[in-house]
Protein backbone atom coordinates (compact mmCIF):
# COMPACT_ATOMS: atom_id res chain seq x y z
CA UNK A 1 1.53 -17.10 24.81
CA UNK A 2 4.69 -18.15 22.96
CA UNK A 3 5.10 -18.34 19.19
CA UNK A 4 4.32 -22.07 18.98
CA UNK A 5 1.11 -21.64 20.95
CA UNK A 6 0.17 -18.70 18.72
CA UNK A 7 0.67 -20.80 15.58
CA UNK A 8 -1.39 -23.66 16.97
CA UNK A 9 -4.17 -21.24 17.87
CA UNK A 10 -4.18 -19.72 14.41
CA UNK A 11 -4.07 -22.83 12.22
CA UNK A 12 -4.30 -25.82 14.56
CA UNK A 13 -1.70 -28.41 15.56
CA UNK A 14 -2.44 -30.75 12.67
CA UNK A 15 -2.16 -28.02 10.07
CA UNK A 16 1.10 -26.77 11.59
CA UNK A 17 2.60 -30.26 11.47
CA UNK A 18 1.50 -30.64 7.86
CA UNK A 19 3.40 -27.58 6.65
CA UNK A 20 6.53 -28.15 4.57
CA UNK A 21 9.66 -28.66 6.66
CA UNK A 22 11.28 -25.49 5.31
CA UNK A 23 8.31 -23.41 6.49
CA UNK A 24 8.26 -24.99 9.96
CA UNK A 25 12.03 -24.58 10.27
CA UNK A 26 11.75 -20.93 9.34
CA UNK A 27 9.48 -20.25 12.31
CA UNK A 28 12.22 -21.42 14.69
CA UNK A 29 15.11 -19.65 12.99
CA UNK A 30 13.71 -16.12 13.18
CA UNK A 31 11.75 -13.95 15.58
CA UNK A 32 10.51 -11.79 12.71
CA UNK A 33 9.98 -12.15 9.00
CA UNK A 34 8.43 -9.48 6.79
CA UNK A 35 5.32 -10.72 5.01
CA UNK A 36 3.70 -8.71 2.23
CA UNK A 37 0.13 -9.67 1.40
CA UNK A 38 -0.76 -10.14 -2.25
CA UNK A 39 -4.45 -9.57 -2.98
CA UNK A 40 -6.34 -10.10 -6.21
CA UNK A 41 -7.66 -6.56 -6.65
CA UNK A 42 -5.54 -3.42 -6.86
CA UNK A 43 -1.76 -3.02 -6.98
CA UNK A 44 -0.33 -4.83 -3.95
CA UNK A 45 3.32 -4.71 -5.15
CA UNK A 46 4.09 -1.03 -4.43
CA UNK A 47 7.09 0.52 -2.61
CA UNK A 48 9.38 -2.38 -3.52
CA UNK A 49 12.38 -1.19 -1.47
CA UNK A 50 10.47 -0.42 1.71
CA UNK A 51 10.79 -3.92 3.26
CA UNK A 52 14.59 -3.89 3.05
CA UNK A 53 14.64 -0.62 5.01
CA UNK A 54 12.37 -1.98 7.73
CA UNK A 55 14.42 -5.17 7.95
CA UNK A 56 17.68 -3.20 8.16
CA UNK A 57 16.27 -0.96 10.90
CA UNK A 58 15.25 -3.97 12.98
CA UNK A 59 18.71 -5.48 12.59
CA UNK A 60 20.38 -2.16 13.47
CA UNK A 61 18.32 -1.26 16.53
CA UNK A 62 17.00 -4.48 18.06
CA UNK A 63 18.22 -7.90 19.11
CA UNK A 64 15.53 -9.72 17.13
CA UNK A 65 16.57 -12.56 14.89
CA UNK A 66 15.36 -11.05 11.61
CA UNK A 67 14.89 -12.89 8.34
CA UNK A 68 16.76 -10.74 5.76
CA UNK A 69 14.28 -11.50 2.98
CA UNK A 70 10.83 -10.17 2.21
CA UNK A 71 8.17 -12.87 1.87
CA UNK A 72 5.18 -12.38 -0.42
CA UNK A 73 2.15 -14.55 0.22
CA UNK A 74 -1.38 -14.46 -1.13
CA UNK A 75 -3.98 -13.20 1.31
CA UNK A 76 -6.12 -16.11 0.11
CA UNK A 77 -3.48 -18.60 1.30
CA UNK A 78 -4.17 -19.84 4.87
CA UNK A 79 -0.41 -19.90 5.53
CA UNK A 80 -0.48 -16.11 5.79
CA UNK A 81 -1.89 -16.73 9.27
CA UNK A 82 1.56 -17.94 10.34
CA UNK A 83 3.18 -14.52 9.94
CA UNK A 84 3.98 -12.44 13.03
CA UNK A 85 3.44 -9.30 10.95
CA UNK A 86 1.80 -8.60 7.59
CA UNK A 87 1.96 -5.58 5.32
CA UNK A 88 -0.70 -4.58 2.79
CA UNK A 89 -0.59 -1.50 0.58
CA UNK A 90 -1.71 -0.07 -2.74
CA UNK A 91 -3.24 2.83 -4.65
CA UNK A 92 -6.30 1.27 -6.27
CA UNK A 93 -9.51 -0.56 -5.46
CA UNK A 94 -9.47 -3.03 -2.58
CA UNK A 95 -12.12 -5.69 -3.02
CA UNK A 96 -11.32 -8.90 -1.17
CA UNK A 97 -12.48 -12.28 -2.40
CA UNK A 98 -14.43 -14.44 0.09
CA UNK A 99 -11.28 -16.41 0.97
CA UNK A 100 -9.19 -13.25 1.35
CA UNK A 101 -11.85 -11.80 3.61
CA UNK A 102 -12.03 -14.96 5.72
CA UNK A 103 -8.24 -15.15 6.18
CA UNK A 104 -7.95 -11.44 7.01
CA UNK A 105 -10.69 -11.70 9.62
CA UNK A 106 -9.33 -14.88 11.21
CA UNK A 107 -5.79 -13.53 11.34
CA UNK A 108 -6.68 -10.24 13.04
CA UNK A 109 -9.21 -11.79 15.40
CA UNK A 110 -6.80 -14.48 16.55
CA UNK A 111 -3.79 -12.35 17.46
CA UNK A 112 -2.21 -11.41 14.13
CA UNK A 113 -1.10 -7.92 13.11
CA UNK A 114 -1.52 -6.15 9.76
CA UNK A 115 -0.02 -2.79 8.86
CA UNK A 116 -2.04 -1.28 6.00
CA UNK A 117 -0.74 1.77 4.16
CA UNK A 118 -2.63 3.90 1.64
CA UNK A 119 -0.10 4.88 -1.01
CA UNK A 120 -2.42 7.63 -2.25
CA UNK A 121 -1.85 9.38 1.10
CA UNK A 122 -5.38 10.79 1.12
CA UNK A 123 -8.66 10.21 2.94
CA UNK A 124 -11.07 10.24 0.01
CA UNK A 125 -9.22 8.23 -2.64
CA UNK A 126 -10.22 4.86 -4.07
CA UNK A 127 -7.91 2.82 -1.85
CA UNK A 128 -9.06 4.58 1.32
CA UNK A 129 -12.76 4.33 0.55
CA UNK A 130 -12.67 0.73 -0.62
CA UNK A 131 -10.37 -0.54 2.13
CA UNK A 132 -12.38 1.14 4.87
CA UNK A 133 -15.55 -0.35 3.35
CA UNK A 134 -13.94 -3.80 3.53
CA UNK A 135 -13.06 -3.30 7.19
CA UNK A 136 -16.60 -2.17 7.97
CA UNK A 137 -17.99 -5.27 6.26
CA UNK A 138 -15.65 -7.59 8.19
CA UNK A 139 -15.43 -6.00 11.63
CA UNK A 140 -18.35 -3.56 11.77
CA UNK A 141 -18.75 0.11 10.96
CA UNK A 142 -17.35 1.36 14.25
CA UNK A 143 -14.35 -0.98 14.44
CA UNK A 144 -11.84 1.31 12.69
CA UNK A 145 -11.02 4.06 15.18
CA UNK A 146 -8.53 6.92 15.50
CA UNK A 147 -5.52 6.00 17.62
CA UNK A 148 -4.77 8.47 20.43
CA UNK A 149 -1.22 9.78 20.73
CA UNK A 150 -1.05 8.08 24.13
CA UNK A 151 -1.33 4.65 22.51
CA UNK A 152 1.45 2.15 23.44
CA UNK A 153 2.42 2.05 19.75
CA UNK A 154 4.20 5.39 20.21
CA UNK A 155 6.41 4.12 23.02
CA UNK A 156 6.88 0.46 22.09
CA UNK A 157 10.59 1.04 21.35
CA UNK A 158 11.44 4.63 20.42
CA UNK A 159 9.31 7.41 21.90
CA UNK A 160 7.05 9.48 19.64
CA UNK A 161 4.56 12.12 20.74
CA UNK A 162 2.51 11.76 17.55
CA UNK A 163 2.60 9.88 14.23
CA UNK A 164 5.60 11.10 12.19
CA UNK A 165 4.74 13.27 9.21
CA UNK A 166 5.85 12.17 5.75
CA UNK A 167 7.44 14.25 3.00
CA UNK A 168 4.47 13.46 0.76
CA UNK A 169 2.12 15.24 3.13
CA UNK A 170 4.45 18.19 3.57
CA UNK A 171 4.83 18.55 -0.19
CA UNK A 172 1.06 18.89 -0.60
CA UNK A 173 0.49 15.64 -2.50
CA UNK A 174 -2.65 13.61 -2.12
CA UNK A 175 -5.41 15.52 -0.34
CA UNK A 176 -3.07 18.40 0.67
CA UNK A 177 -3.47 17.52 4.35
CA UNK A 178 -1.10 16.50 7.10
CA UNK A 179 -3.03 13.70 8.74
CA UNK A 180 -2.80 14.10 12.49
CA UNK A 181 -3.83 10.55 13.36
CA UNK A 182 -3.61 6.90 12.43
CA UNK A 183 -6.47 4.42 12.71
CA UNK A 184 -6.65 0.92 14.07
CA UNK A 185 -8.88 -2.02 14.88
CA UNK A 186 -8.51 -3.57 18.31
CA UNK A 187 -9.61 -7.02 19.39
CA UNK A 188 -9.90 -7.65 23.13
CA UNK A 189 -7.87 -4.54 23.88
CA UNK A 190 -5.03 -5.31 21.47
CA UNK A 191 -4.62 -3.52 18.15
CA UNK A 192 -4.50 -6.08 15.35
CA UNK A 193 -4.74 -3.65 12.43
CA UNK A 194 -2.86 -0.38 11.98
CA UNK A 195 -4.14 1.75 9.12
CA UNK A 196 -2.23 4.73 7.72
CA UNK A 197 -2.99 7.19 4.94
CA UNK A 198 0.31 8.98 5.53
CA UNK A 199 2.08 6.86 2.88
CA UNK A 200 4.85 5.53 5.11
CA UNK A 201 5.52 2.83 2.54
CA UNK A 202 6.63 5.34 -0.09
CA UNK A 203 8.43 7.43 2.54
CA UNK A 204 10.58 4.37 3.35
CA UNK A 205 10.93 3.27 -0.28
CA UNK A 206 14.62 4.04 -0.94
CA UNK A 207 17.83 2.06 -1.08
CA UNK A 208 18.69 1.15 2.52
CA UNK A 209 22.30 2.23 1.96
CA UNK A 210 21.10 5.83 1.63
CA UNK A 211 20.00 5.96 5.27
CA UNK A 212 23.40 7.38 6.17
CA UNK A 213 22.44 10.61 4.37
CA UNK A 214 19.38 11.19 6.57
CA UNK A 215 19.61 13.56 9.53
CA UNK A 216 17.16 11.25 11.35
CA UNK A 217 16.39 7.68 10.36
CA UNK A 218 12.73 7.83 9.34
CA UNK A 219 12.30 4.06 9.65
CA UNK A 220 12.50 4.21 13.45
CA UNK A 221 8.73 4.40 13.51
CA UNK A 222 8.64 1.13 11.57
CA UNK A 223 10.60 -0.42 14.45
CA UNK A 224 7.87 0.74 16.83
CA UNK A 225 5.19 -0.80 14.65
CA UNK A 226 6.96 -4.17 14.50
CA UNK A 227 7.83 -4.22 18.20
CA UNK A 228 4.24 -3.45 19.10
CA UNK A 229 3.05 -6.22 16.78
CA UNK A 230 5.39 -8.75 18.40
CA UNK A 231 4.91 -7.79 22.04
CA UNK A 232 1.42 -6.41 22.55
């Protein structure tokens, strides 16, 4: 299924044609654009510099045509269903409105991909408990499952044997644990939601020009996430 067919499936041919010309043109100009989801509850606007690092990594390592700008769109806006990749994060309560819940469900069930990151980097905090409750309400209690280290996510571009550990875990923040797994929700054998409480967003929240000081570029795993989202 190509991108045009995907868009028609998600929102319908008539709705796609009715979008503003600048939006429709943008779909043809880029293979990837970074979309952050704004939701009414909680603090959605965390790790402000993280998107620029992910975008830079994709430009550095891949041949994708990458939009250089972050795009913020309300989860309640049906146009979020156009995005090839969405990011949602925060520290606080997650309590979706009916429209947010409907868009999230339709997007994931119809081939979209959301990367959700718990900035508290713990398993018992408010974000974790409330977000996981939302997923149970939308997809069912058993939908969110641990991802095995053999999952294609870990070899979609670079090769990883396990989810990379973050400095926040190693420093004993959050719940004082190094989380040895990620979670996901799969629809028809394809993961449409990747859920992390490792706090990758904050790990990648630095000026992209400082990457040259790192012994190993820690945003390589972000490349894997995006490449899986685009190709799975």
